[in-house]
C-alpha atoms as a PDB file:
ATOM      1  CA  MET A   1     -25.323 -13.127  -3.414  1.00  0.00           C
ATOM      2  CA  ARG A   2     -29.210 -12.479  -2.896  1.00  0.00           C
ATOM      3  CA  ILE A   3     -28.938 -14.238   0.621  1.00  0.00           C
ATOM      4  CA  LEU A   4     -26.005 -12.178   1.456  1.00  0.00           C
ATOM      5  CA  ARG A   5     -27.574  -8.927   0.517  1.00  0.00           C
ATOM      6  CA  LYS A   6     -30.609 -10.054   2.307  1.00  0.00           C
ATOM      7  CA  LEU A   7     -29.102 -10.867   5.573  1.00  0.00           C
ATOM      8  CA  THR A   8     -27.064  -7.714   5.445  1.00  0.00           C
ATOM      9  CA  LEU A   9     -29.822  -5.517   4.895  1.00  0.00           C
ATOM     10  CA  GLN A  10     -32.022  -7.433   7.739  1.00  0.00           C
ATOM     11  CA  TYR A  11     -28.941  -6.968  10.191  1.00  0.00           C
ATOM     12  CA  LEU A  12     -28.657  -3.030   9.411  1.00  0.00           C
ATOM     13  CA  LYS A  13     -32.145  -2.574   9.880  1.00  0.00           C
ATOM     14  CA  MET A  14     -32.209  -4.490  13.247  1.00  0.00           C
ATOM     15  CA  ASN A  15     -29.299  -2.571  14.492  1.00  0.00           C
ATOM     16  CA  ARG A  16     -29.789   1.083  13.163  1.00  0.00           C
ATOM     17  CA  THR A  17     -28.004   2.930  15.983  1.00  0.00           C
ATOM     18  CA  ARG A  18     -25.001   0.867  15.608  1.00  0.00           C
ATOM     19  CA  THR A  19     -25.162   1.194  11.890  1.00  0.00           C
ATOM     20  CA  ILE A  20     -25.274   5.170  11.986  1.00  0.00           C
ATOM     21  CA  VAL A  21     -22.666   5.448  14.792  1.00  0.00           C
ATOM     22  CA  THR A  22     -20.512   2.941  12.658  1.00  0.00           C
ATOM     23  CA  ILE A  23     -21.082   5.381   9.384  1.00  0.00           C
ATOM     24  CA  ILE A  24     -20.244   8.418  11.622  1.00  0.00           C
ATOM     25  CA  GLY A  25     -17.089   7.074  12.817  1.00  0.00           C
ATOM     26  CA  ILE A  26     -16.016   6.103   9.371  1.00  0.00           C
ATOM     27  CA  ILE A  27     -16.548   9.686   8.268  1.00  0.00           C
ATOM     28  CA  LEU A  28     -14.833  11.243  11.035  1.00  0.00           C
ATOM     29  CA  SER A  29     -11.969   8.915  10.769  1.00  0.00           C
ATOM     30  CA  ILE A  30     -11.687   9.748   7.011  1.00  0.00           C
ATOM     31  CA  GLY A  31     -11.616  13.421   7.943  1.00  0.00           C
ATOM     32  CA  LEU A  32      -9.028  13.033  10.566  1.00  0.00           C
ATOM     33  CA  ILE A  33      -6.707  11.130   8.275  1.00  0.00           C
ATOM     34  CA  MET A  34      -7.058  13.813   5.411  1.00  0.00           C
ATOM     35  CA  THR A  35      -6.644  16.638   7.876  1.00  0.00           C
ATOM     36  CA  ILE A  36      -3.252  14.923   9.074  1.00  0.00           C
ATOM     37  CA  ALA A  37      -1.972  14.488   5.737  1.00  0.00           C
ATOM     38  CA  GLY A  38      -2.879  17.960   4.729  1.00  0.00           C
ATOM     39  CA  LEU A  39      -0.992  19.234   8.054  1.00  0.00           C
ATOM     40  CA  ALA A  40       2.041  16.917   7.138  1.00  0.00           C
ATOM     41  CA  THR A  41       2.072  18.352   3.291  1.00  0.00           C
ATOM     42  CA  SER A  42       1.990  21.898   4.729  1.00  0.00           C
ATOM     43  CA  ALA A  43       4.671  21.454   7.201  1.00  0.00           C
ATOM     44  CA  TRP A  44       6.972  19.848   4.477  1.00  0.00           C
ATOM     45  CA  GLU A  45       6.395  22.579   2.138  1.00  0.00           C
ATOM     46  CA  SER A  46       6.872  25.259   4.891  1.00  0.00           C
ATOM     47  CA  SER A  47      10.314  23.688   5.903  1.00  0.00           C
ATOM     48  CA  ILE A  48      11.487  23.482   2.146  1.00  0.00           C
ATOM     49  CA  ARG A  49      10.362  27.360   1.693  1.00  0.00           C
ATOM     50  CA  SER A  50      12.269  28.132   4.721  1.00  0.00           C
ATOM     51  CA  ALA A  51      15.374  26.121   3.495  1.00  0.00           C
ATOM     52  CA  VAL A  52      15.433  28.197   0.459  1.00  0.00           C
ATOM     53  CA  ARG A  53      14.958  31.604   2.071  1.00  0.00           C
ATOM     54  CA  MET A  54      17.860  31.040   4.321  1.00  0.00           C
ATOM     55  CA  SER A  55      20.279  29.542   1.575  1.00  0.00           C
ATOM     56  CA  GLY A  56      18.771  30.061  -1.601  1.00  0.00           C
ATOM     57  CA  ASP A  57      17.902  27.791  -4.386  1.00  0.00           C
ATOM     58  CA  TYR A  58      21.408  27.061  -5.969  1.00  0.00           C
ATOM     59  CA  ASP A  59      21.889  24.105  -8.205  1.00  0.00           C
ATOM     60  CA  PHE A  60      25.357  24.319  -7.144  1.00  0.00           C
ATOM     61  CA  LEU A  61      27.758  26.379  -4.972  1.00  0.00           C
ATOM     62  CA  LEU A  62      30.999  27.735  -6.090  1.00  0.00           C
ATOM     63  CA  ALA A  63      33.314  27.648  -2.974  1.00  0.00           C
ATOM     64  CA  GLY A  64      36.422  29.202  -2.498  1.00  0.00           C
ATOM     65  CA  CYS A  65      36.675  30.892  -5.992  1.00  0.00           C
ATOM     66  CA  GLY A  66      37.283  34.500  -4.331  1.00  0.00           C
ATOM     67  CA  LYS A  67      37.479  37.203  -7.050  1.00  0.00           C
ATOM     68  CA  ALA A  68      36.679  34.969  -9.977  1.00  0.00           C
ATOM     69  CA  VAL A  69      33.123  34.770  -8.969  1.00  0.00           C
ATOM     70  CA  HIS A  70      33.155  38.386  -8.824  1.00  0.00           C
ATOM     71  CA  SER A  71      34.610  39.279 -12.291  1.00  0.00           C
ATOM     72  CA  VAL A  72      32.054  36.645 -13.759  1.00  0.00           C
ATOM     73  CA  GLY A  73      29.213  38.561 -12.075  1.00  0.00           C
ATOM     74  CA  LEU A  74      27.615  35.968  -9.905  1.00  0.00           C
ATOM     75  CA  HIS A  75      28.245  37.169  -6.485  1.00  0.00           C
ATOM     76  CA  GLY A  76      24.905  37.794  -4.465  1.00  0.00           C
ATOM     77  CA  ARG A  77      22.738  36.329  -7.102  1.00  0.00           C
ATOM     78  CA  LYS A  78      20.415  33.602  -5.724  1.00  0.00           C
ATOM     79  CA  GLY A  79      19.967  30.539  -7.775  1.00  0.00           C
ATOM     80  CA  ALA A  80      22.701  31.618 -10.307  1.00  0.00           C
ATOM     81  CA  GLY A  81      23.795  28.506 -11.892  1.00  0.00           C
ATOM     82  CA  GLY A  82      25.815  29.100 -14.766  1.00  0.00           C
ATOM     83  CA  VAL A  83      29.543  30.064 -15.257  1.00  0.00           C
END
């Protein structure tokens, strides 16, 4: 292990410019990956919020019940989930 560490440090000292450019490249690539992941997560959450805003956050939908839903008092309430 000591030989490997010694050779590694010697190589890094001989090629300082390449080492610095490599470290900067790694830092930039990690930042880019994190930015893309953040944008993807934000777009996903935005699409979910848009779907909830357009169609509500129902657990289930009572279709074709007509006046029965009016008499229970669930008509027009977003997210009403119990009858």
